[in-house]
Amino acid sequence: MKKKLTGLVCSLVTLGLITPAVALNESITEAGINATTLHQDPYNLTGKKIGIGQVELGRPAMFGFDKTMSWNPNISFAGLFYRDQLAQPDLELDEHAAMVALVMVSRDKKLRGVAPDARLYSSAVGTMDVGGQAEECFSSQYVAMQNGEDVRAINFSFGSPLYDDSRFNADLDGNSLLTQCVDWSARVHDTLYVISGNQGSGGIPVPTDNYNGINTANSVQRNGVFSKVDFSNVSAIPEGVGRSFIEREINVNGRRSIGLIAPGSNIDVYDLYGSQLSVDGTSFSSPHITASVALLQEYGDRQIFKKAQNWSINSRRHEISKAVLINSADKIKDNGDGLFLGMERTTLSKHNLTWLDSEAYSDDTIPLDMEMGAGHLNVFRAYQQLSGGQWTPDLPVSNKGWNYGLIEANQEQDYVLEKALKADSFASITLTWDRLVELNDDNSNLQFDIGESFTDKGLNNLNIYLMPVDSNDKNEHLCASISRVDSTEHIFCKIPTTGQYKIRVEYANQVNESTQNYGLAWWTVDS
């Protein structure tokens, strides 16, 4: 039976003390992800007409539909569901889901969401005693097929515990049913899944072991700016008395989990009764990223409509959204000369280390930092990255841009940078591609049905290099990202001397198909 979920808080999120809000909107200003700049002239990006999704155990309430809703928040929903059915009044209501939705699409003058005009589709799965990973997958698929089968990103501020996984001695190896579902749906429905990262011993890590989405850790303010990884995130190398718990909540084989960090501390929201609250947790970091996709996609669709030069419908691809968001993340604050690509803050680990102190900076086989991923979300910089336009390897490319490409096994593609790069400047390059998961479609209806399963076809191995333009030997690279286990490669490195360079994409090892689509984004500094 359906069950009312009023007041339910998923154990994934650590709400901590709920206190009266002091200031609103900080997380979407320049102190946070800088969405407010895009809301204003001349950009006027608010996510209009862009479909995004939300899947949780419960759903937000809507005034005029749910009789128990005692106040009228300035928020609208494109669709409210219970799994694959329209929601029924006063059932499956969840305060946590309502708060997450507010972060994404609130139109309130005092508490404005990241993408207030996006079309949000929200589905309730139901409590754990009436559902599990199959029902969560089923609900996610239904959301992905809304908006004319055009939902650009889906938010998960919930997850499943490993002890409920039906596999014997389950690990975070990417092969739980829900994790496989996320990777399958991302590819088949072309939507970017944004997953709240894991927090606390005994937390809810599935599907943080996905390949094709983005996982987030939450940031706290330092000196008035969201810039530091919160101590609640389970992302560091496990040590101490909690080691046995934490080890089971980190991906196996050294594969990185976190892609980005985003504001998740003292986030101001309203509860079901209209009171202002301050909440914490990765549950509130992920909707910042999900709704940021809507802002970028609105801009991309404008460019498509006006047939802009160096633009195509490939800007809608989830691999491009992922590459753009990761490549534009803040790592080291620029001192005004542009050498650090105009970055707006220095991102810090729990122990106050910067990205330049990380293994990811010094080790070519590690693309992302264990705690920080690629750095802190900055949607205005992501807009700047996307606005560089699409460039193919056929001709020299701009210093900043992206491409949705296709490469054959054992082949290489070179992107020759048209202008010389400046000595002592930094280059940021990101490559993303999908793990291949296929549906075991027993009834051949091309949809997941409860009782069906998936097959992991594995991950092809792609690499990226930054090389002198006149070299054909990848061993002469300046910098590289050559992980054998990750579906994201990321370079952030210093240019030693002014000169001509090129980016090389390599299809190094074939595991499944002989051709592989990929998203590539780069940002460099001309001399």
Protein backbone atom coordinates (compact mmCIF):
# COMPACT_ATOMS: atom_id res chain seq x y z
CA MET A 1 0.00 0.00 0.00
CA LYS A 2 1.01 3.59 -0.50
CA LYS A 3 2.09 5.29 2.66
CA LYS A 4 2.13 8.89 3.79
CA LEU A 5 5.71 9.99 4.42
CA THR A 6 5.27 13.36 6.12
CA GLY A 7 8.39 14.37 8.01
CA LEU A 8 10.52 11.58 6.58
CA VAL A 9 14.22 12.40 6.32
CA CYS A 10 16.37 10.02 4.28
CA SER A 11 19.28 8.66 6.28
CA LEU A 12 21.60 9.72 3.47
CA VAL A 13 21.34 13.35 4.50
CA THR A 14 22.78 14.69 7.71
CA LEU A 15 20.43 17.54 8.62
CA GLY A 16 22.01 18.18 12.00
CA LEU A 17 20.56 21.07 13.94
CA ILE A 18 17.72 22.89 12.19
CA THR A 19 17.90 26.54 13.14
CA PRO A 20 16.16 29.73 11.99
CA ALA A 21 17.72 30.98 8.76
CA VAL A 22 19.90 34.06 9.00
CA ALA A 23 20.46 34.85 5.33
CA LEU A 24 18.91 33.47 2.17
CA ASN A 25 20.27 32.70 -1.27
CA GLU A 26 23.96 32.65 -0.31
CA SER A 27 24.57 29.28 -1.94
CA ILE A 28 23.52 30.52 -5.41
CA THR A 29 25.44 33.82 -5.26
CA GLU A 30 29.11 34.42 -6.01
CA ALA A 31 29.82 32.98 -2.56
CA GLY A 32 28.35 29.70 -3.76
CA ILE A 33 27.83 28.57 -7.34
CA ASN A 34 27.28 32.05 -8.87
CA ALA A 35 23.93 31.24 -10.49
CA THR A 36 22.56 34.72 -9.69
CA THR A 37 24.84 36.26 -12.31
CA LEU A 38 23.21 34.07 -14.97
CA HIS A 39 19.72 35.01 -13.73
CA GLN A 40 20.39 38.67 -14.56
CA ASP A 41 20.95 40.70 -17.71
CA PRO A 42 22.41 40.08 -20.20
CA TYR A 43 22.15 36.32 -19.65
CA ASN A 44 18.62 35.91 -18.26
CA LEU A 45 19.06 32.17 -17.78
CA THR A 46 16.54 30.61 -15.39
CA GLY A 47 16.12 27.12 -16.85
CA LYS A 48 12.99 28.02 -18.82
CA LYS A 49 11.44 25.06 -20.67
CA ILE A 50 14.22 22.69 -19.57
CA GLY A 51 13.08 19.41 -17.98
CA ILE A 52 14.87 18.15 -14.89
CA GLY A 53 13.92 15.32 -12.56
CA GLN A 54 13.85 14.33 -8.91
CA VAL A 55 13.57 10.82 -7.46
CA GLU A 56 13.27 10.26 -3.71
CA LEU A 57 11.46 8.04 -1.25
CA GLY A 58 8.75 10.70 -0.97
CA ARG A 59 7.69 13.73 -2.98
CA PRO A 60 7.21 17.47 -2.45
CA ALA A 61 3.78 18.80 -1.57
CA MET A 62 1.88 21.18 -3.85
CA PHE A 63 -0.54 23.83 -2.58
CA GLY A 64 -4.04 23.35 -3.93
CA PHE A 65 -3.37 19.69 -4.67
CA ASP A 66 -2.35 18.37 -1.28
CA LYS A 67 -4.95 19.41 1.26
CA THR A 68 -2.48 19.14 4.12
CA MET A 69 -0.27 21.79 2.51
CA SER A 70 -0.87 24.77 4.80
CA TRP A 71 0.96 27.45 2.83
CA ASN A 72 1.58 28.33 -0.80
CA PRO A 73 5.26 28.33 -1.74
CA ASN A 74 6.18 30.05 -4.98
CA ILE A 75 7.13 26.86 -6.76
CA SER A 76 5.53 24.89 -9.57
CA PHE A 77 5.92 21.30 -10.69
CA ALA A 78 5.66 19.90 -14.18
CA GLY A 79 4.66 16.52 -12.75
CA LEU A 80 4.27 14.74 -9.42
CA PHE A 81 4.25 10.94 -9.43
CA TYR A 82 4.24 7.81 -7.34
CA ARG A 83 6.54 5.56 -9.36
CA ASP A 84 4.82 5.45 -12.78
CA GLN A 85 1.46 6.84 -11.68
CA LEU A 86 0.20 10.35 -11.03
CA ALA A 87 0.55 11.27 -7.38
CA GLN A 88 -2.53 11.11 -5.18
CA PRO A 89 -3.33 14.03 -2.83
CA ASP A 90 -1.73 13.84 0.62
CA LEU A 91 0.14 10.60 -0.04
CA GLU A 92 3.94 10.10 -0.06
CA LEU A 93 4.56 13.65 1.16
CA ASP A 94 8.14 14.18 2.29
CA GLU A 95 9.59 17.32 3.84
CA HIS A 96 13.09 16.35 2.70
CA ALA A 97 11.98 16.06 -0.95
CA ALA A 98 10.24 19.43 -0.67
CA MET A 99 13.42 21.10 0.60
CA VAL A 100 15.51 19.58 -2.20
CA ALA A 101 12.98 20.75 -4.80
CA LEU A 102 13.14 24.30 -3.40
CA VAL A 103 16.90 24.43 -3.97
CA MET A 104 16.28 23.65 -7.63
CA VAL A 105 13.16 25.58 -8.69
CA SER A 106 11.94 27.96 -5.97
CA ARG A 107 10.65 31.29 -7.32
CA ASP A 108 10.38 32.85 -3.89
CA LYS A 109 11.79 36.40 -3.83
CA LYS A 110 13.71 35.75 -0.62
CA LEU A 111 14.72 32.18 -1.44
CA ARG A 112 15.31 31.77 -5.14
CA GLY A 113 16.26 28.40 -6.54
CA VAL A 114 19.11 27.71 -8.94
CA ALA A 115 16.79 27.32 -11.96
CA PRO A 116 13.43 28.80 -10.93
CA ASP A 117 11.79 28.36 -14.33
CA ALA A 118 12.90 24.78 -15.03
CA ARG A 119 10.25 22.09 -15.42
CA LEU A 120 10.66 19.75 -12.44
CA TYR A 121 9.27 16.21 -12.51
CA SER A 122 9.31 14.52 -9.11
CA SER A 123 8.59 10.88 -8.33
CA ALA A 124 8.18 9.16 -4.97
CA VAL A 125 9.46 5.60 -4.71
CA GLY A 126 7.86 4.79 -1.36
CA THR A 127 9.38 3.60 1.89
CA MET A 128 11.93 0.79 2.00
CA ASP A 129 9.33 -1.63 3.34
CA VAL A 130 7.28 -1.33 0.14
CA GLY A 131 10.10 -1.03 -2.37
CA GLY A 132 13.77 -1.44 -3.13
CA GLN A 133 16.28 -0.94 -5.90
CA ALA A 134 13.94 -2.29 -8.58
CA GLU A 135 11.23 0.20 -7.63
CA GLU A 136 13.82 2.99 -7.47
CA CYS A 137 14.99 2.10 -10.97
CA PHE A 138 11.42 1.91 -12.24
CA SER A 139 10.64 5.37 -10.85
CA SER A 140 13.84 6.85 -12.30
CA GLN A 141 13.04 5.49 -15.75
CA TYR A 142 9.57 7.03 -15.60
CA VAL A 143 10.98 10.46 -14.70
CA ALA A 144 13.58 10.20 -17.48
CA MET A 145 10.78 9.70 -20.01
CA GLN A 146 8.88 12.86 -19.07
CA ASN A 147 8.93 16.21 -20.91
CA GLY A 148 8.59 14.43 -24.24
CA GLU A 149 11.43 12.09 -23.25
CA ASP A 150 13.66 15.12 -22.82
CA VAL A 151 14.76 15.38 -19.19
CA ARG A 152 18.30 16.73 -19.12
CA ALA A 153 19.29 15.87 -15.54
CA ILE A 154 17.86 13.84 -12.63
CA ASN A 155 18.60 14.44 -8.96
CA PHE A 156 19.12 11.64 -6.44
CA SER A 157 19.15 12.92 -2.85
CA PHE A 158 18.66 9.39 -1.58
CA GLY A 159 20.20 5.96 -2.03
CA SER A 160 20.21 2.34 -0.90
CA PRO A 161 22.31 0.65 1.81
CA LEU A 162 24.67 -2.15 0.90
CA TYR A 163 23.15 -4.44 3.52
CA ASP A 164 19.90 -4.40 1.52
CA ASP A 165 21.65 -5.39 -1.70
CA SER A 166 20.66 -8.89 -2.81
CA ARG A 167 24.20 -9.76 -3.97
CA PHE A 168 26.39 -11.84 -1.68
CA ASN A 169 28.98 -9.70 0.12
CA ALA A 170 28.05 -6.69 -2.01
CA ASP A 171 30.64 -3.99 -2.68
CA LEU A 172 30.65 -0.64 -4.44
CA ASP A 173 31.77 -2.20 -7.71
CA GLY A 174 29.12 -0.60 -9.91
CA ASN A 175 27.00 -3.72 -10.20
CA SER A 176 24.08 -3.23 -7.86
CA LEU A 177 20.82 -3.15 -9.79
CA LEU A 178 20.22 0.55 -9.07
CA THR A 179 23.75 1.56 -10.06
CA GLN A 180 23.52 -0.37 -13.31
CA CYS A 181 20.10 1.21 -13.87
CA VAL A 182 21.54 4.71 -13.48
CA ASP A 183 24.30 4.01 -16.01
CA TRP A 184 21.86 2.35 -18.43
CA SER A 185 19.33 5.18 -18.19
CA ALA A 186 21.99 7.89 -18.54
CA ARG A 187 23.00 6.38 -21.88
CA VAL A 188 19.58 5.33 -23.19
CA HIS A 189 17.62 8.40 -22.04
CA ASP A 190 20.55 10.81 -22.45
CA THR A 191 20.18 12.38 -19.02
CA LEU A 192 22.81 13.35 -16.47
CA TYR A 193 22.23 11.70 -13.09
CA VAL A 194 23.49 13.77 -10.16
CA ILE A 195 23.93 11.67 -7.02
CA SER A 196 24.34 12.84 -3.44
CA GLY A 197 27.62 11.57 -2.03
CA ASN A 198 27.83 9.29 0.97
CA GLN A 199 27.95 10.58 4.52
CA GLY A 200 28.66 8.82 7.80
CA SER A 201 29.37 5.22 8.76
CA GLY A 202 26.62 2.84 7.74
CA GLY A 203 25.28 5.36 5.21
CA ILE A 204 23.53 4.82 1.89
CA PRO A 205 26.25 4.43 -0.74
CA VAL A 206 24.31 2.90 -3.67
CA PRO A 207 24.39 4.28 -6.41
CA THR A 208 27.46 6.43 -5.63
CA ASP A 209 29.46 3.77 -7.50
CA ASN A 210 27.93 4.80 -10.84
CA TYR A 211 30.12 5.65 -13.83
CA ASN A 212 27.95 7.81 -16.07
CA GLY A 213 26.69 10.45 -13.63
CA ILE A 214 28.23 12.96 -11.22
CA ASN A 215 28.52 12.37 -7.48
CA THR A 216 28.80 15.35 -5.17
CA ALA A 217 30.37 16.14 -1.83
CA ASN A 218 29.15 19.13 0.17
CA SER A 219 31.06 22.30 0.92
CA VAL A 220 31.03 24.66 3.88
CA GLN A 221 31.80 28.37 3.98
CA ARG A 222 35.21 29.68 4.86
CA ASN A 223 35.60 33.49 5.06
CA GLY A 224 32.12 33.85 3.60
CA VAL A 225 32.72 31.61 0.57
CA PHE A 226 31.67 27.99 0.03
CA SER A 227 35.08 26.48 -0.54
CA LYS A 228 35.92 23.63 1.84
CA VAL A 229 34.89 19.97 1.87
CA ASP A 230 32.64 19.35 4.88
CA PHE A 231 33.90 16.85 7.45
CA SER A 232 30.70 14.80 7.13
CA ASN A 233 31.62 13.52 3.66
CA VAL A 234 32.87 9.93 3.44
CA SER A 235 35.46 10.47 0.74
CA ALA A 236 38.89 10.39 2.34
CA ILE A 237 41.15 7.36 2.50
CA PRO A 238 39.68 5.24 5.35
CA GLU A 239 41.60 5.21 8.60
CA GLY A 240 40.99 4.90 12.32
CA VAL A 241 38.23 3.10 14.21
CA GLY A 242 35.67 3.69 11.46
CA ARG A 243 37.84 2.12 8.78
CA SER A 244 35.74 -1.03 8.28
CA PHE A 245 32.56 0.99 7.77
CA ILE A 246 34.12 3.63 5.53
CA GLU A 247 35.93 1.11 3.32
CA ARG A 248 32.58 -0.38 2.33
CA GLU A 249 31.35 3.07 1.34
CA ILE A 250 34.17 3.87 -1.12
CA ASN A 251 34.43 2.49 -4.66
CA VAL A 252 36.52 -0.64 -5.12
CA ASN A 253 39.73 -0.75 -7.22
CA GLY A 254 40.62 2.85 -6.45
CA ARG A 255 37.97 4.29 -8.75
CA ARG A 256 37.09 7.86 -7.83
CA SER A 257 33.61 8.62 -6.57
CA ILE A 258 33.32 12.39 -6.17
CA GLY A 259 33.10 14.54 -9.30
CA LEU A 260 32.32 17.96 -7.80
CA ILE A 261 31.68 19.65 -4.50
CA ALA A 262 28.79 22.08 -4.10
CA PRO A 263 27.20 24.03 -1.24
CA GLY A 264 25.67 21.77 1.38
CA SER A 265 26.07 23.54 4.72
CA ASN A 266 23.55 25.96 6.23
CA ILE A 267 21.40 25.90 3.10
CA ASP A 268 18.26 27.95 3.63
CA VAL A 269 14.93 26.33 2.77
CA TYR A 270 11.29 26.25 3.86
CA ASP A 271 9.62 23.29 5.55
CA LEU A 272 6.12 22.02 4.76
CA TYR A 273 4.65 24.69 7.04
CA GLY A 274 6.47 27.68 5.56
CA SER A 275 9.06 28.13 8.30
CA GLN A 276 12.58 29.07 7.24
CA LEU A 277 15.18 26.48 8.16
CA SER A 278 18.89 25.94 7.69
CA VAL A 279 19.87 22.41 6.61
CA ASP A 280 23.07 20.49 5.90
CA GLY A 281 24.18 17.54 3.77
CA THR A 282 25.04 16.30 0.31
CA SER A 283 21.31 15.96 -0.29
CA PHE A 284 21.37 19.72 -0.78
CA SER A 285 24.61 19.80 -2.76
CA SER A 286 23.38 17.62 -5.61
CA PRO A 287 20.32 19.77 -6.49
CA HIS A 288 22.68 22.73 -7.01
CA ILE A 289 24.37 20.70 -9.76
CA THR A 290 21.16 19.26 -11.22
CA ALA A 291 19.55 22.68 -11.58
CA SER A 292 22.79 24.14 -12.95
CA VAL A 293 22.37 21.75 -15.89
CA ALA A 294 19.05 23.47 -16.63
CA LEU A 295 20.74 26.88 -16.87
CA LEU A 296 23.40 25.54 -19.23
CA GLN A 297 20.86 23.68 -21.34
CA GLU A 298 18.66 26.75 -21.71
CA TYR A 299 21.66 28.63 -23.05
CA GLY A 300 22.54 25.76 -25.36
CA ASP A 301 19.01 25.57 -26.76
CA ARG A 302 19.08 29.32 -27.47
CA GLN A 303 22.27 28.81 -29.46
CA ILE A 304 20.68 25.93 -31.37
CA PHE A 305 17.58 28.02 -32.14
CA LYS A 306 19.59 30.89 -33.60
CA LYS A 307 21.90 28.50 -35.45
CA ALA A 308 25.01 29.87 -33.80
CA GLN A 309 28.40 29.18 -35.29
CA ASN A 310 30.31 26.27 -33.74
CA TRP A 311 27.14 24.87 -32.22
CA SER A 312 24.95 21.78 -32.59
CA ILE A 313 22.39 19.71 -30.71
CA ASN A 314 25.34 17.83 -29.21
CA SER A 315 25.29 20.51 -26.49
CA ARG A 316 22.34 18.54 -25.08
CA ARG A 317 24.37 15.38 -24.53
CA HIS A 318 24.83 14.28 -20.91
CA GLU A 319 28.53 13.58 -21.57
CA ILE A 320 28.96 17.24 -22.56
CA SER A 321 27.12 18.55 -19.50
CA LYS A 322 29.33 16.37 -17.33
CA ALA A 323 32.57 17.40 -19.04
CA VAL A 324 31.67 21.10 -18.96
CA LEU A 325 30.72 21.12 -15.27
CA ILE A 326 33.83 19.21 -14.23
CA ASN A 327 36.25 21.13 -16.42
CA SER A 328 35.05 24.54 -15.21
CA ALA A 329 35.21 23.75 -11.49
CA ASP A 330 37.08 26.14 -9.20
CA LYS A 331 40.40 24.83 -7.87
CA ILE A 332 42.83 27.71 -7.26
CA LYS A 333 41.76 31.34 -7.08
CA ASP A 334 43.12 33.40 -9.95
CA ASN A 335 45.21 36.42 -8.92
CA GLY A 336 43.88 38.55 -11.75
CA ASP A 337 46.32 37.68 -14.53
CA GLY A 338 44.21 34.82 -15.88
CA LEU A 339 46.88 32.18 -15.41
CA PHE A 340 44.48 30.12 -13.29
CA LEU A 341 41.73 30.45 -15.90
CA GLY A 342 39.85 33.11 -13.94
CA MET A 343 38.91 30.71 -11.14
CA GLU A 344 37.01 32.44 -8.33
CA ARG A 345 38.02 30.49 -5.22
CA THR A 346 40.60 28.12 -3.82
CA THR A 347 38.95 24.82 -2.95
CA LEU A 348 40.16 23.06 0.20
CA SER A 349 40.05 19.49 1.44
CA LYS A 350 39.02 18.58 4.98
CA HIS A 351 42.64 19.09 6.04
CA ASN A 352 43.01 22.43 4.20
CA LEU A 353 44.98 21.00 1.28
CA THR A 354 44.48 22.44 -2.20
CA TRP A 355 44.09 20.60 -5.49
CA LEU A 356 47.78 21.24 -6.16
CA ASP A 357 48.57 19.13 -3.09
CA SER A 358 46.46 16.19 -4.28
CA GLU A 359 47.43 12.87 -5.85
CA ALA A 360 45.26 13.82 -8.79
CA TYR A 361 47.61 16.70 -9.59
CA SER A 362 50.80 14.67 -9.37
CA ASP A 363 49.74 11.21 -10.60
CA ASP A 364 48.64 10.72 -14.22
CA THR A 365 46.67 7.59 -13.29
CA ILE A 366 44.41 9.48 -10.85
CA PRO A 367 42.02 11.92 -12.58
CA LEU A 368 40.07 13.30 -9.59
CA ASP A 369 40.77 14.10 -5.98
CA MET A 370 39.32 11.67 -3.44
CA GLU A 371 37.56 14.45 -1.52
CA MET A 372 37.20 17.37 -3.94
CA GLY A 373 36.70 15.62 -7.26
CA ALA A 374 37.61 18.27 -9.84
CA GLY A 375 36.85 21.15 -7.48
CA HIS A 376 33.92 23.38 -6.57
CA LEU A 377 30.88 23.90 -8.80
CA ASN A 378 30.77 27.32 -10.46
CA VAL A 379 27.89 27.46 -12.92
CA PHE A 380 28.92 30.85 -14.30
CA ARG A 381 32.31 29.41 -15.25
CA ALA A 382 30.48 26.38 -16.67
CA TYR A 383 28.50 28.78 -18.84
CA GLN A 384 31.78 30.36 -19.99
CA GLN A 385 33.14 26.90 -20.76
CA LEU A 386 30.06 25.93 -22.77
CA SER A 387 30.02 29.25 -24.62
CA GLY A 388 33.39 28.36 -26.12
CA GLY A 389 31.40 26.32 -28.64
CA GLN A 390 31.86 22.97 -30.34
CA TRP A 391 35.10 22.28 -32.20
CA THR A 392 36.07 19.12 -34.07
CA PRO A 393 39.60 17.77 -34.62
CA ASP A 394 39.39 18.42 -38.37
CA LEU A 395 40.67 22.01 -37.99
CA PRO A 396 42.62 23.95 -35.34
CA VAL A 397 40.48 24.68 -32.29
CA SER A 398 39.94 27.67 -30.03
CA ASN A 399 41.64 27.96 -26.63
CA LYS A 400 38.34 27.10 -24.95
CA GLY A 401 35.62 24.76 -26.19
CA TRP A 402 34.08 21.30 -26.26
CA ASN A 403 33.24 18.45 -28.59
CA TYR A 404 31.02 15.38 -28.65
CA GLY A 405 33.21 12.96 -30.55
CA LEU A 406 33.47 9.39 -31.76
CA ILE A 407 36.67 7.38 -31.78
CA GLU A 408 37.64 3.92 -33.05
CA ALA A 409 39.48 1.35 -30.97
CA ASN A 410 43.28 1.69 -30.99
CA GLN A 411 43.00 5.09 -32.66
CA GLU A 412 43.95 8.64 -31.61
CA GLN A 413 42.42 12.02 -32.34
CA ASP A 414 44.38 15.27 -32.04
CA TYR A 415 42.85 18.66 -31.29
CA VAL A 416 45.45 21.23 -32.37
CA LEU A 417 45.13 24.45 -30.38
CA GLU A 418 45.13 27.31 -32.88
CA LYS A 419 47.08 29.79 -30.73
CA ALA A 420 50.19 29.33 -28.63
CA LEU A 421 49.65 28.76 -24.92
CA LYS A 422 51.11 31.13 -22.38
CA ALA A 423 53.99 30.05 -20.16
CA ASP A 424 53.06 29.54 -16.48
CA SER A 425 49.34 29.42 -17.31
CA PHE A 426 47.25 26.34 -16.50
CA ALA A 427 45.33 24.09 -18.85
CA SER A 428 42.16 22.26 -17.83
CA ILE A 429 40.99 19.32 -19.97
CA THR A 430 38.22 16.79 -19.23
CA LEU A 431 37.18 13.65 -21.09
CA THR A 432 33.99 11.75 -20.21
CA TRP A 433 32.39 8.63 -21.66
CA ASP A 434 29.89 5.96 -20.65
CA ARG A 435 30.20 2.51 -19.21
CA LEU A 436 28.06 0.21 -21.35
CA VAL A 437 25.20 -1.36 -19.38
CA GLU A 438 22.49 -3.20 -21.28
CA LEU A 439 18.97 -4.11 -20.20
CA ASN A 440 17.99 -7.77 -20.15
CA ASP A 441 14.63 -6.95 -21.68
CA ASP A 442 12.61 -10.11 -21.08
CA ASN A 443 9.40 -8.82 -22.67
CA SER A 444 11.09 -6.77 -25.42
CA ASN A 445 9.25 -3.56 -24.58
CA LEU A 446 12.49 -1.53 -24.48
CA GLN A 447 11.80 -0.54 -20.87
CA PHE A 448 12.89 -1.77 -17.47
CA ASP A 449 10.20 -3.78 -15.69
CA ILE A 450 10.40 -4.96 -12.10
CA GLY A 451 11.94 -8.42 -12.18
CA GLU A 452 14.27 -7.64 -15.06
CA SER A 453 18.02 -7.13 -14.74
CA PHE A 454 21.00 -5.53 -16.43
CA THR A 455 24.32 -6.74 -17.81
CA ASP A 456 27.54 -4.83 -17.30
CA LYS A 457 29.44 -4.80 -20.60
CA GLY A 458 32.34 -2.91 -19.03
CA LEU A 459 34.19 0.31 -19.64
CA ASN A 460 36.38 1.00 -22.64
CA ASN A 461 39.66 2.68 -21.70
CA LEU A 462 40.20 6.19 -23.04
CA ASN A 463 43.05 8.58 -22.20
CA ILE A 464 43.95 12.23 -22.81
CA TYR A 465 47.29 13.96 -23.28
CA LEU A 466 48.52 17.51 -23.70
CA MET A 467 51.47 17.41 -26.11
CA PRO A 468 53.74 19.65 -28.18
CA VAL A 469 52.04 20.21 -31.51
CA ASP A 470 54.96 18.80 -33.54
CA SER A 471 55.25 15.56 -31.54
CA ASN A 472 53.59 12.28 -32.41
CA ASP A 473 54.99 10.41 -29.42
CA LYS A 474 52.58 10.42 -26.49
CA ASN A 475 55.52 9.73 -24.18
CA GLU A 476 56.61 13.31 -24.87
CA HIS A 477 53.44 14.69 -23.30
CA LEU A 478 53.47 17.62 -20.89
CA CYS A 479 50.67 16.09 -18.87
CA ALA A 480 48.22 13.23 -19.15
CA SER A 481 45.26 11.47 -17.54
CA ILE A 482 45.49 7.71 -18.04
CA SER A 483 43.32 5.99 -15.44
CA ARG A 484 42.36 2.42 -16.33
CA VAL A 485 39.33 2.29 -14.01
CA ASP A 486 37.56 5.69 -14.27
CA SER A 487 35.08 6.94 -16.87
CA THR A 488 36.42 10.49 -16.50
CA GLU A 489 39.91 11.69 -17.36
CA HIS A 490 40.93 15.12 -16.12
CA ILE A 491 44.06 17.22 -16.64
CA PHE A 492 44.96 20.36 -14.73
CA CYS A 493 48.56 21.28 -15.37
CA LYS A 494 50.97 24.16 -15.78
CA ILE A 495 52.35 25.14 -19.18
CA PRO A 496 56.17 25.30 -18.84
CA THR A 497 56.99 27.39 -21.91
CA THR A 498 55.04 29.45 -24.40
CA GLY A 499 54.39 27.30 -27.45
CA GLN A 500 52.01 25.41 -29.71
CA TYR A 501 50.25 22.40 -28.19
CA LYS A 502 47.59 19.85 -28.96
CA ILE A 503 45.15 17.67 -27.03
CA ARG A 504 45.20 13.97 -27.87
CA VAL A 505 42.28 11.62 -27.20
CA GLU A 506 43.33 7.96 -27.22
CA TYR A 507 41.13 4.85 -27.34
CA ALA A 508 43.67 2.65 -25.59
CA ASN A 509 41.86 -0.60 -24.73
CA GLN A 510 38.63 -2.05 -26.12
CA VAL A 511 36.35 -3.83 -23.65
CA ASN A 512 33.00 -3.74 -25.47
CA GLU A 513 32.13 -1.82 -28.65
CA SER A 514 34.82 -0.92 -31.19
CA THR A 515 33.59 2.69 -31.35
CA GLN A 516 33.21 4.99 -28.36
CA ASN A 517 31.39 8.31 -28.03
CA TYR A 518 32.91 10.84 -25.67
CA GLY A 519 32.52 14.35 -24.33
CA LEU A 520 35.61 16.59 -24.30
CA ALA A 521 36.01 20.07 -22.76
CA TRP A 522 39.14 22.20 -22.58
CA TRP A 523 40.12 25.63 -21.24
CA THR A 524 43.55 27.14 -21.87
CA VAL A 525 45.22 30.57 -21.96
CA ASP A 526 46.52 32.12 -25.18
CA SER A 527 49.92 33.78 -25.16
